[in-house]
N, C-alpha and C. Protein backbone atom coordinates (compact mmCIF):
# COMPACT_ATOMS: atom_id res chain seq x y z
N MET A 1 118.01 109.94 105.95
CA MET A 1 116.98 109.20 106.66
C MET A 1 115.93 110.17 107.22
N LEU A 2 116.39 111.33 107.65
CA LEU A 2 115.45 112.32 108.19
C LEU A 2 114.49 112.81 107.10
N ILE A 3 114.99 112.91 105.87
CA ILE A 3 114.12 113.31 104.75
C ILE A 3 113.04 112.26 104.53
N ALA A 4 113.39 110.98 104.62
CA ALA A 4 112.41 109.91 104.46
C ALA A 4 111.34 109.99 105.54
N LEU A 5 111.74 110.27 106.76
CA LEU A 5 110.77 110.41 107.85
C LEU A 5 109.87 111.63 107.62
N LEU A 6 110.44 112.69 107.07
CA LEU A 6 109.63 113.87 106.73
C LEU A 6 108.59 113.53 105.68
N LEU A 7 108.98 112.76 104.67
CA LEU A 7 108.03 112.36 103.61
C LEU A 7 106.89 111.52 104.19
N LEU A 8 107.24 110.55 105.04
CA LEU A 8 106.21 109.71 105.67
C LEU A 8 105.28 110.53 106.54
N SER A 9 105.85 111.48 107.27
CA SER A 9 105.04 112.33 108.16
C SER A 9 104.14 113.28 107.37
N CYS A 10 104.64 113.78 106.23
CA CYS A 10 103.79 114.64 105.37
C CYS A 10 102.57 113.85 104.89
N ALA A 11 102.80 112.62 104.47
CA ALA A 11 101.69 111.79 104.00
C ALA A 11 100.68 111.57 105.12
N ASP A 12 101.17 111.33 106.33
CA ASP A 12 100.27 111.13 107.48
C ASP A 12 99.47 112.40 107.77
N ALA A 13 100.10 113.56 107.63
CA ALA A 13 99.39 114.83 107.86
C ALA A 13 98.26 115.02 106.84
N ILE A 14 98.53 114.68 105.59
CA ILE A 14 97.50 114.80 104.55
C ILE A 14 96.34 113.87 104.88
N ARG A 15 96.65 112.66 105.29
CA ARG A 15 95.61 111.70 105.65
C ARG A 15 94.77 112.23 106.83
N GLY A 16 95.44 112.73 107.84
CA GLY A 16 94.73 113.23 109.02
C GLY A 16 93.77 114.35 108.71
N LEU A 17 94.15 115.21 107.78
CA LEU A 17 93.30 116.34 107.42
C LEU A 17 92.20 115.95 106.44
N TYR A 18 92.53 115.13 105.44
CA TYR A 18 91.60 114.90 104.34
C TYR A 18 90.76 113.63 104.46
N LEU A 19 91.19 112.65 105.24
CA LEU A 19 90.38 111.43 105.34
C LEU A 19 88.96 111.71 105.84
N PRO A 20 88.77 112.52 106.89
CA PRO A 20 87.39 112.80 107.31
C PRO A 20 86.55 113.45 106.21
N LEU A 21 87.16 114.34 105.45
CA LEU A 21 86.43 115.02 104.37
C LEU A 21 86.08 114.04 103.25
N VAL A 22 87.01 113.16 102.91
CA VAL A 22 86.77 112.18 101.85
C VAL A 22 85.71 111.17 102.28
N VAL A 23 85.79 110.71 103.52
CA VAL A 23 84.79 109.75 104.02
C VAL A 23 83.40 110.39 103.99
N SER A 24 83.31 111.63 104.41
CA SER A 24 82.03 112.32 104.38
C SER A 24 81.53 112.48 102.95
N GLU A 25 82.44 112.80 102.05
CA GLU A 25 82.08 112.98 100.63
C GLU A 25 81.65 111.66 99.99
N LEU A 26 82.38 110.58 100.27
CA LEU A 26 82.09 109.29 99.64
C LEU A 26 80.85 108.61 100.21
N PHE A 27 80.74 108.65 101.52
CA PHE A 27 79.72 107.83 102.17
C PHE A 27 78.59 108.65 102.80
N GLY A 28 78.74 109.99 102.81
CA GLY A 28 77.67 110.86 103.28
C GLY A 28 77.37 110.78 104.78
N ARG A 29 78.28 110.17 105.53
CA ARG A 29 78.07 110.05 106.99
C ARG A 29 79.37 110.39 107.71
N PRO A 30 79.54 111.65 108.08
CA PRO A 30 80.78 112.07 108.73
C PRO A 30 81.04 111.35 110.06
N GLN A 31 79.99 110.85 110.71
CA GLN A 31 80.16 110.16 111.99
C GLN A 31 80.94 108.85 111.85
N LEU A 32 81.09 108.35 110.63
CA LEU A 32 81.88 107.14 110.41
C LEU A 32 83.33 107.33 110.83
N MET A 33 83.81 108.56 110.77
CA MET A 33 85.20 108.83 111.15
C MET A 33 85.44 108.50 112.61
N SER A 34 84.45 108.68 113.46
CA SER A 34 84.62 108.32 114.88
C SER A 34 84.98 106.85 115.01
N TYR A 35 84.33 106.02 114.23
CA TYR A 35 84.60 104.58 114.29
C TYR A 35 85.97 104.26 113.70
N LEU A 36 86.30 104.90 112.58
CA LEU A 36 87.61 104.66 111.96
C LEU A 36 88.75 105.09 112.89
N TRP A 37 88.61 106.28 113.52
CA TRP A 37 89.66 106.75 114.43
C TRP A 37 89.76 105.82 115.65
N SER A 38 88.62 105.34 116.13
CA SER A 38 88.62 104.45 117.31
C SER A 38 89.33 103.14 117.00
N ILE A 39 89.03 102.57 115.86
CA ILE A 39 89.71 101.33 115.45
C ILE A 39 91.22 101.58 115.35
N GLN A 40 91.58 102.69 114.74
CA GLN A 40 93.00 103.00 114.59
C GLN A 40 93.67 103.12 115.96
N ALA A 41 93.04 103.81 116.90
CA ALA A 41 93.64 104.02 118.21
C ALA A 41 93.84 102.70 118.96
N VAL A 42 92.86 101.82 118.91
CA VAL A 42 92.97 100.53 119.59
C VAL A 42 94.14 99.73 119.02
N PHE A 43 94.23 99.67 117.71
CA PHE A 43 95.31 98.89 117.10
C PHE A 43 96.67 99.55 117.29
N GLU A 44 96.73 100.87 117.34
CA GLU A 44 98.00 101.54 117.61
C GLU A 44 98.53 101.12 118.98
N LEU A 45 97.65 101.07 119.96
CA LEU A 45 98.07 100.63 121.30
C LEU A 45 98.62 99.21 121.26
N LEU A 46 97.97 98.34 120.51
CA LEU A 46 98.43 96.96 120.41
C LEU A 46 99.76 96.86 119.66
N PHE A 47 99.93 97.65 118.61
CA PHE A 47 101.10 97.52 117.75
C PHE A 47 102.33 98.28 118.24
N MET A 48 102.16 99.25 119.13
CA MET A 48 103.28 100.07 119.56
C MET A 48 104.41 99.20 120.14
N THR A 49 104.06 98.31 121.05
CA THR A 49 105.07 97.45 121.66
C THR A 49 105.63 96.46 120.65
N LEU A 50 104.76 95.91 119.82
CA LEU A 50 105.19 94.96 118.80
C LEU A 50 106.18 95.61 117.83
N ALA A 51 105.91 96.83 117.43
CA ALA A 51 106.80 97.54 116.51
C ALA A 51 108.17 97.76 117.17
N GLY A 52 108.18 98.10 118.44
CA GLY A 52 109.44 98.28 119.15
C GLY A 52 110.22 96.98 119.25
N TYR A 53 109.54 95.90 119.50
CA TYR A 53 110.19 94.58 119.56
C TYR A 53 110.80 94.22 118.21
N TRP A 54 110.03 94.42 117.14
CA TRP A 54 110.53 94.13 115.80
C TRP A 54 111.75 94.99 115.47
N ALA A 55 111.72 96.26 115.90
CA ALA A 55 112.86 97.15 115.64
C ALA A 55 114.11 96.64 116.34
N MET A 56 113.96 96.14 117.56
CA MET A 56 115.11 95.56 118.26
C MET A 56 115.62 94.32 117.55
N LYS A 57 114.70 93.51 117.06
CA LYS A 57 115.07 92.23 116.45
C LYS A 57 115.60 92.38 115.02
N TYR A 58 114.96 93.22 114.21
CA TYR A 58 115.28 93.31 112.79
C TYR A 58 115.95 94.63 112.38
N GLY A 59 115.97 95.59 113.26
CA GLY A 59 116.56 96.89 112.95
C GLY A 59 115.50 97.94 112.63
N SER A 60 115.74 99.14 113.11
CA SER A 60 114.76 100.23 112.96
C SER A 60 114.48 100.57 111.51
N LYS A 61 115.52 100.63 110.69
CA LYS A 61 115.31 101.04 109.29
C LYS A 61 114.42 100.07 108.55
N ARG A 62 114.62 98.78 108.76
CA ARG A 62 113.77 97.79 108.09
C ARG A 62 112.33 97.91 108.54
N ILE A 63 112.13 98.15 109.82
CA ILE A 63 110.76 98.27 110.34
C ILE A 63 110.12 99.57 109.86
N ILE A 64 110.90 100.62 109.73
CA ILE A 64 110.37 101.87 109.17
C ILE A 64 109.96 101.65 107.71
N LEU A 65 110.72 100.86 106.97
CA LEU A 65 110.33 100.50 105.60
C LEU A 65 109.00 99.73 105.60
N LEU A 66 108.84 98.81 106.55
CA LEU A 66 107.57 98.09 106.69
C LEU A 66 106.42 99.06 106.94
N GLY A 67 106.65 100.03 107.81
CA GLY A 67 105.62 101.04 108.08
C GLY A 67 105.25 101.82 106.84
N GLY A 68 106.24 102.15 106.02
CA GLY A 68 105.96 102.84 104.76
C GLY A 68 105.13 101.99 103.82
N ALA A 69 105.43 100.69 103.77
CA ALA A 69 104.66 99.78 102.91
C ALA A 69 103.20 99.69 103.39
N CYS A 70 103.01 99.65 104.70
CA CYS A 70 101.64 99.62 105.25
C CYS A 70 100.89 100.90 104.90
N ALA A 71 101.57 102.03 105.01
CA ALA A 71 100.94 103.31 104.67
C ALA A 71 100.60 103.35 103.18
N LEU A 72 101.51 102.87 102.34
CA LEU A 72 101.26 102.87 100.90
C LEU A 72 100.02 102.06 100.55
N LEU A 73 99.90 100.88 101.11
CA LEU A 73 98.72 100.04 100.88
C LEU A 73 97.44 100.79 101.28
N THR A 74 97.49 101.44 102.42
CA THR A 74 96.32 102.18 102.91
C THR A 74 95.94 103.31 101.95
N TYR A 75 96.92 104.10 101.53
CA TYR A 75 96.63 105.22 100.65
C TYR A 75 96.10 104.77 99.29
N VAL A 76 96.58 103.64 98.80
CA VAL A 76 96.08 103.11 97.53
C VAL A 76 94.60 102.73 97.68
N ILE A 77 94.27 102.09 98.78
CA ILE A 77 92.86 101.73 99.03
C ILE A 77 91.99 102.97 99.11
N TYR A 78 92.47 104.00 99.79
CA TYR A 78 91.70 105.25 99.87
C TYR A 78 91.54 105.89 98.48
N ALA A 79 92.63 105.94 97.72
CA ALA A 79 92.60 106.62 96.42
C ALA A 79 91.70 105.92 95.41
N LEU A 80 91.49 104.62 95.58
CA LEU A 80 90.66 103.87 94.64
C LEU A 80 89.16 103.96 94.95
N SER A 81 88.78 104.84 95.86
CA SER A 81 87.37 104.98 96.25
C SER A 81 86.78 103.62 96.64
N SER A 82 87.52 102.90 97.43
CA SER A 82 87.12 101.56 97.84
C SER A 82 85.83 101.57 98.64
N PRO A 83 85.18 100.41 98.76
CA PRO A 83 83.97 100.32 99.58
C PRO A 83 84.29 100.59 101.05
N LEU A 84 83.29 100.99 101.78
CA LEU A 84 83.44 101.34 103.18
C LEU A 84 84.10 100.21 103.99
N GLY A 85 83.75 98.98 103.68
CA GLY A 85 84.32 97.85 104.39
C GLY A 85 85.84 97.81 104.30
N LEU A 86 86.38 98.17 103.13
CA LEU A 86 87.84 98.20 102.97
C LEU A 86 88.47 99.33 103.77
N PHE A 87 87.77 100.45 103.89
CA PHE A 87 88.28 101.54 104.72
C PHE A 87 88.46 101.05 106.15
N PHE A 88 87.48 100.28 106.64
CA PHE A 88 87.59 99.73 107.99
C PHE A 88 88.66 98.64 108.07
N ALA A 89 88.71 97.78 107.08
CA ALA A 89 89.66 96.65 107.10
C ALA A 89 91.11 97.12 107.07
N VAL A 90 91.39 98.25 106.45
CA VAL A 90 92.76 98.72 106.32
C VAL A 90 93.22 99.50 107.56
N GLN A 91 92.33 99.84 108.46
CA GLN A 91 92.71 100.61 109.64
C GLN A 91 93.79 99.92 110.48
N PRO A 92 93.71 98.62 110.74
CA PRO A 92 94.81 97.99 111.50
C PRO A 92 96.15 98.07 110.77
N VAL A 93 96.12 97.98 109.45
CA VAL A 93 97.35 98.09 108.66
C VAL A 93 97.95 99.48 108.84
N TYR A 94 97.09 100.49 108.78
CA TYR A 94 97.58 101.86 108.95
C TYR A 94 98.02 102.10 110.39
N SER A 95 97.36 101.46 111.33
CA SER A 95 97.75 101.60 112.73
C SER A 95 99.17 101.10 112.95
N LEU A 96 99.54 100.03 112.28
CA LEU A 96 100.91 99.54 112.38
C LEU A 96 101.87 100.59 111.83
N SER A 97 101.51 101.20 110.72
CA SER A 97 102.34 102.25 110.14
C SER A 97 102.54 103.41 111.11
N VAL A 98 101.47 103.86 111.74
CA VAL A 98 101.55 104.98 112.68
C VAL A 98 102.36 104.58 113.91
N SER A 99 102.16 103.36 114.38
CA SER A 99 102.93 102.89 115.54
C SER A 99 104.42 102.90 115.24
N ILE A 100 104.76 102.53 114.03
CA ILE A 100 106.16 102.53 113.63
C ILE A 100 106.67 103.97 113.48
N LEU A 101 105.89 104.82 112.83
CA LEU A 101 106.32 106.19 112.60
C LEU A 101 106.51 106.96 113.90
N TYR A 102 105.60 106.81 114.83
CA TYR A 102 105.68 107.60 116.06
C TYR A 102 106.33 106.86 117.22
N GLY A 103 106.70 105.61 117.03
CA GLY A 103 107.41 104.88 118.06
C GLY A 103 108.83 104.59 117.63
N VAL A 104 108.96 103.76 116.63
CA VAL A 104 110.28 103.33 116.15
C VAL A 104 111.05 104.50 115.55
N ALA A 105 110.42 105.29 114.71
CA ALA A 105 111.12 106.40 114.05
C ALA A 105 111.57 107.44 115.06
N MET A 106 110.74 107.72 116.05
CA MET A 106 111.14 108.69 117.07
C MET A 106 112.38 108.18 117.82
N GLY A 107 112.37 106.90 118.18
CA GLY A 107 113.53 106.32 118.85
C GLY A 107 114.77 106.36 117.97
N TYR A 108 114.58 106.13 116.69
CA TYR A 108 115.69 106.17 115.74
C TYR A 108 116.33 107.56 115.73
N VAL A 109 115.51 108.59 115.64
CA VAL A 109 116.03 109.96 115.60
C VAL A 109 116.72 110.29 116.93
N GLN A 110 116.15 109.87 118.04
CA GLN A 110 116.78 110.13 119.33
C GLN A 110 118.15 109.46 119.42
N ARG A 111 118.26 108.24 118.91
CA ARG A 111 119.54 107.54 118.96
C ARG A 111 120.59 108.15 118.03
N MET A 112 120.15 108.87 117.00
CA MET A 112 121.10 109.54 116.13
C MET A 112 121.91 110.58 116.89
N PHE A 113 121.31 111.13 117.94
CA PHE A 113 121.94 112.20 118.72
C PHE A 113 122.02 111.81 120.19
N ILE A 114 122.47 110.60 120.43
CA ILE A 114 122.46 110.02 121.77
C ILE A 114 123.24 110.86 122.78
N ARG A 115 124.26 111.54 122.36
CA ARG A 115 125.09 112.33 123.29
C ARG A 115 124.56 113.76 123.49
N HIS A 116 123.52 114.10 122.78
CA HIS A 116 122.95 115.45 122.88
C HIS A 116 121.52 115.35 123.42
N THR A 117 121.42 115.29 124.73
CA THR A 117 120.15 115.06 125.40
C THR A 117 119.08 116.03 124.90
N GLY A 118 117.99 115.46 124.47
CA GLY A 118 116.83 116.25 124.06
C GLY A 118 116.85 116.69 122.61
N PHE A 119 118.02 116.74 121.99
CA PHE A 119 118.08 117.24 120.62
C PHE A 119 117.34 116.32 119.65
N GLY A 120 117.51 115.01 119.80
CA GLY A 120 116.83 114.06 118.92
C GLY A 120 115.33 114.19 119.02
N SER A 121 114.82 114.32 120.25
CA SER A 121 113.37 114.48 120.44
C SER A 121 112.88 115.78 119.83
N SER A 122 113.64 116.84 120.06
CA SER A 122 113.27 118.14 119.49
C SER A 122 113.28 118.09 117.97
N LEU A 123 114.26 117.41 117.41
CA LEU A 123 114.34 117.29 115.96
C LEU A 123 113.17 116.50 115.41
N PHE A 124 112.78 115.42 116.11
CA PHE A 124 111.64 114.64 115.64
C PHE A 124 110.36 115.48 115.68
N VAL A 125 110.17 116.26 116.72
CA VAL A 125 108.99 117.15 116.80
C VAL A 125 109.06 118.19 115.69
N PHE A 126 110.24 118.72 115.41
CA PHE A 126 110.41 119.68 114.31
C PHE A 126 110.01 119.03 112.98
N ILE A 127 110.46 117.79 112.76
CA ILE A 127 110.09 117.07 111.54
C ILE A 127 108.57 116.90 111.46
N SER A 128 107.96 116.52 112.57
CA SER A 128 106.50 116.32 112.61
C SER A 128 105.75 117.61 112.32
N GLN A 129 106.19 118.70 112.92
CA GLN A 129 105.51 119.99 112.70
C GLN A 129 105.72 120.49 111.28
N THR A 130 106.92 120.33 110.76
CA THR A 130 107.20 120.73 109.38
C THR A 130 106.35 119.89 108.42
N ALA A 131 106.25 118.60 108.71
CA ALA A 131 105.44 117.71 107.89
C ALA A 131 103.97 118.13 107.91
N SER A 132 103.49 118.54 109.06
CA SER A 132 102.10 118.99 109.14
C SER A 132 101.89 120.21 108.26
N LEU A 133 102.79 121.16 108.34
CA LEU A 133 102.68 122.37 107.52
C LEU A 133 102.70 122.02 106.03
N ILE A 134 103.69 121.24 105.62
CA ILE A 134 103.79 120.84 104.21
C ILE A 134 102.58 120.01 103.81
N GLY A 135 102.19 119.07 104.68
CA GLY A 135 101.06 118.20 104.39
C GLY A 135 99.74 118.95 104.27
N TYR A 136 99.62 120.06 104.98
CA TYR A 136 98.38 120.84 104.88
C TYR A 136 98.39 121.74 103.66
N LEU A 137 99.56 122.13 103.18
CA LEU A 137 99.64 123.02 102.02
C LEU A 137 99.67 122.27 100.69
N LEU A 138 100.32 121.12 100.66
CA LEU A 138 100.47 120.36 99.42
C LEU A 138 99.15 120.06 98.70
N PRO A 139 98.12 119.63 99.41
CA PRO A 139 96.86 119.29 98.71
C PRO A 139 96.17 120.47 98.04
N LEU A 140 96.64 121.66 98.28
CA LEU A 140 96.03 122.82 97.63
C LEU A 140 96.22 122.78 96.12
N ILE A 141 97.14 121.93 95.65
CA ILE A 141 97.34 121.83 94.20
C ILE A 141 96.28 120.96 93.53
N ILE A 142 95.45 120.28 94.33
CA ILE A 142 94.37 119.44 93.78
C ILE A 142 93.04 120.11 94.09
N GLN A 143 92.20 120.25 93.07
CA GLN A 143 90.90 120.90 93.23
C GLN A 143 89.90 119.94 93.88
N GLY A 144 89.13 120.44 94.83
CA GLY A 144 88.04 119.68 95.40
C GLY A 144 88.48 118.62 96.40
N ILE A 145 87.46 117.97 96.95
CA ILE A 145 87.69 116.89 97.92
C ILE A 145 87.26 115.59 97.26
N SER A 146 88.24 114.76 96.96
CA SER A 146 87.95 113.46 96.37
C SER A 146 89.03 112.48 96.80
N PRO A 147 88.80 111.20 96.60
CA PRO A 147 89.83 110.21 96.97
C PRO A 147 91.15 110.42 96.23
N GLN A 148 91.13 111.12 95.11
CA GLN A 148 92.37 111.36 94.38
C GLN A 148 93.37 112.19 95.17
N ILE A 149 92.92 112.82 96.24
CA ILE A 149 93.83 113.59 97.10
C ILE A 149 94.91 112.67 97.67
N PHE A 150 94.59 111.37 97.76
CA PHE A 150 95.54 110.41 98.34
C PHE A 150 96.64 109.99 97.36
N ILE A 151 96.59 110.54 96.16
CA ILE A 151 97.71 110.33 95.24
C ILE A 151 98.96 111.01 95.81
N LEU A 152 98.77 112.15 96.45
CA LEU A 152 99.92 112.85 97.05
C LEU A 152 100.61 111.99 98.11
N PRO A 153 99.89 111.42 99.08
CA PRO A 153 100.57 110.54 100.03
C PRO A 153 101.21 109.32 99.36
N ILE A 154 100.57 108.81 98.30
CA ILE A 154 101.15 107.67 97.59
C ILE A 154 102.53 108.06 97.04
N VAL A 155 102.61 109.24 96.43
CA VAL A 155 103.89 109.70 95.87
C VAL A 155 104.91 109.92 96.99
N LEU A 156 104.50 110.56 98.08
CA LEU A 156 105.42 110.82 99.18
C LEU A 156 105.94 109.53 99.81
N VAL A 157 105.02 108.60 100.06
CA VAL A 157 105.41 107.34 100.70
C VAL A 157 106.23 106.47 99.76
N SER A 158 105.98 106.59 98.47
CA SER A 158 106.79 105.85 97.49
C SER A 158 108.20 106.40 97.40
N ALA A 159 108.37 107.68 97.60
CA ALA A 159 109.70 108.29 97.56
C ALA A 159 110.51 107.95 98.82
N ALA A 160 109.85 107.78 99.95
CA ALA A 160 110.56 107.52 101.21
C ALA A 160 111.42 106.26 101.16
N PRO A 161 110.92 105.11 100.65
CA PRO A 161 111.80 103.94 100.59
C PRO A 161 113.01 104.12 99.67
N LEU A 162 112.85 104.93 98.64
CA LEU A 162 114.00 105.21 97.78
C LEU A 162 115.10 105.92 98.57
N VAL A 163 114.68 106.88 99.38
CA VAL A 163 115.63 107.60 100.23
C VAL A 163 116.23 106.63 101.26
N MET A 164 115.37 105.86 101.92
CA MET A 164 115.86 104.91 102.93
C MET A 164 116.74 103.84 102.31
N GLY A 165 116.35 103.35 101.15
CA GLY A 165 117.15 102.33 100.47
C GLY A 165 118.54 102.83 100.13
N SER A 166 118.62 104.07 99.70
CA SER A 166 119.94 104.62 99.38
C SER A 166 120.77 104.78 100.65
N VAL A 167 120.13 105.13 101.77
CA VAL A 167 120.84 105.22 103.05
C VAL A 167 121.37 103.84 103.44
N LEU A 168 120.52 102.81 103.35
CA LEU A 168 120.95 101.45 103.69
C LEU A 168 122.09 101.00 102.78
N TYR A 169 121.98 101.28 101.51
CA TYR A 169 123.02 100.90 100.55
C TYR A 169 124.34 101.59 100.89
N LEU A 170 124.30 102.88 101.13
CA LEU A 170 125.52 103.62 101.44
C LEU A 170 126.15 103.15 102.75
N GLU A 171 125.31 102.83 103.73
CA GLU A 171 125.84 102.32 105.00
C GLU A 171 126.51 100.96 104.81
N LYS A 172 125.88 100.06 104.06
CA LYS A 172 126.50 98.75 103.80
C LYS A 172 127.80 98.90 103.02
N ARG A 173 127.78 99.78 102.05
CA ARG A 173 128.98 100.01 101.25
C ARG A 173 130.10 100.59 102.11
N GLY A 174 129.73 101.49 103.03
CA GLY A 174 130.72 102.08 103.94
C GLY A 174 131.29 101.04 104.90
N LEU A 175 130.43 100.13 105.37
CA LEU A 175 130.90 99.06 106.27
C LEU A 175 131.87 98.14 105.54
N ARG A 176 131.58 97.81 104.31
CA ARG A 176 132.47 96.93 103.53
C ARG A 176 133.82 97.60 103.28
N ALA A 177 133.81 98.89 103.08
CA ALA A 177 135.06 99.62 102.83
C ALA A 177 135.95 99.63 104.07
N HIS A 178 135.35 99.58 105.25
CA HIS A 178 136.11 99.59 106.50
C HIS A 178 136.61 98.21 106.91
N GLU A 179 136.16 97.15 106.24
CA GLU A 179 136.56 95.80 106.64
C GLU A 179 137.92 95.43 106.13
């Protein structure tokens, strides 16, 4: 599960670094990023509590999968060189993803080590920092600044549910074996 969170965080790091460059390249107005970041921040505040509620009701892993699906949709829209309006329209969707990644996922990691005060939080920060490093280095394999850079997050986010799905499957199988 920690590997899946690392994959999702790597994709987020790539987006954080390259989205401003791609927006400037596509639309020729770097100031548009101020509006995109502002929309994202407002919706993150709204979705943070909602994501936590959903995690309590439906389970953290399922909600983390939902966050991955939201991120995947966003990266596909970016990679397709979509019109500016779609970049704005997808911001609330991505905000839900970020709210889940930095709210629900952090809580999930902390609960994994409930008896070791602070270790879960430290591990989540380690995952985030490692993801930033990997996310900043990975795009070096693609030449230039173009929307195709978002193929990397698409691949990373697509791999994360496979990892999470196998964790869910193994947990269910283990529960059945104990019954």
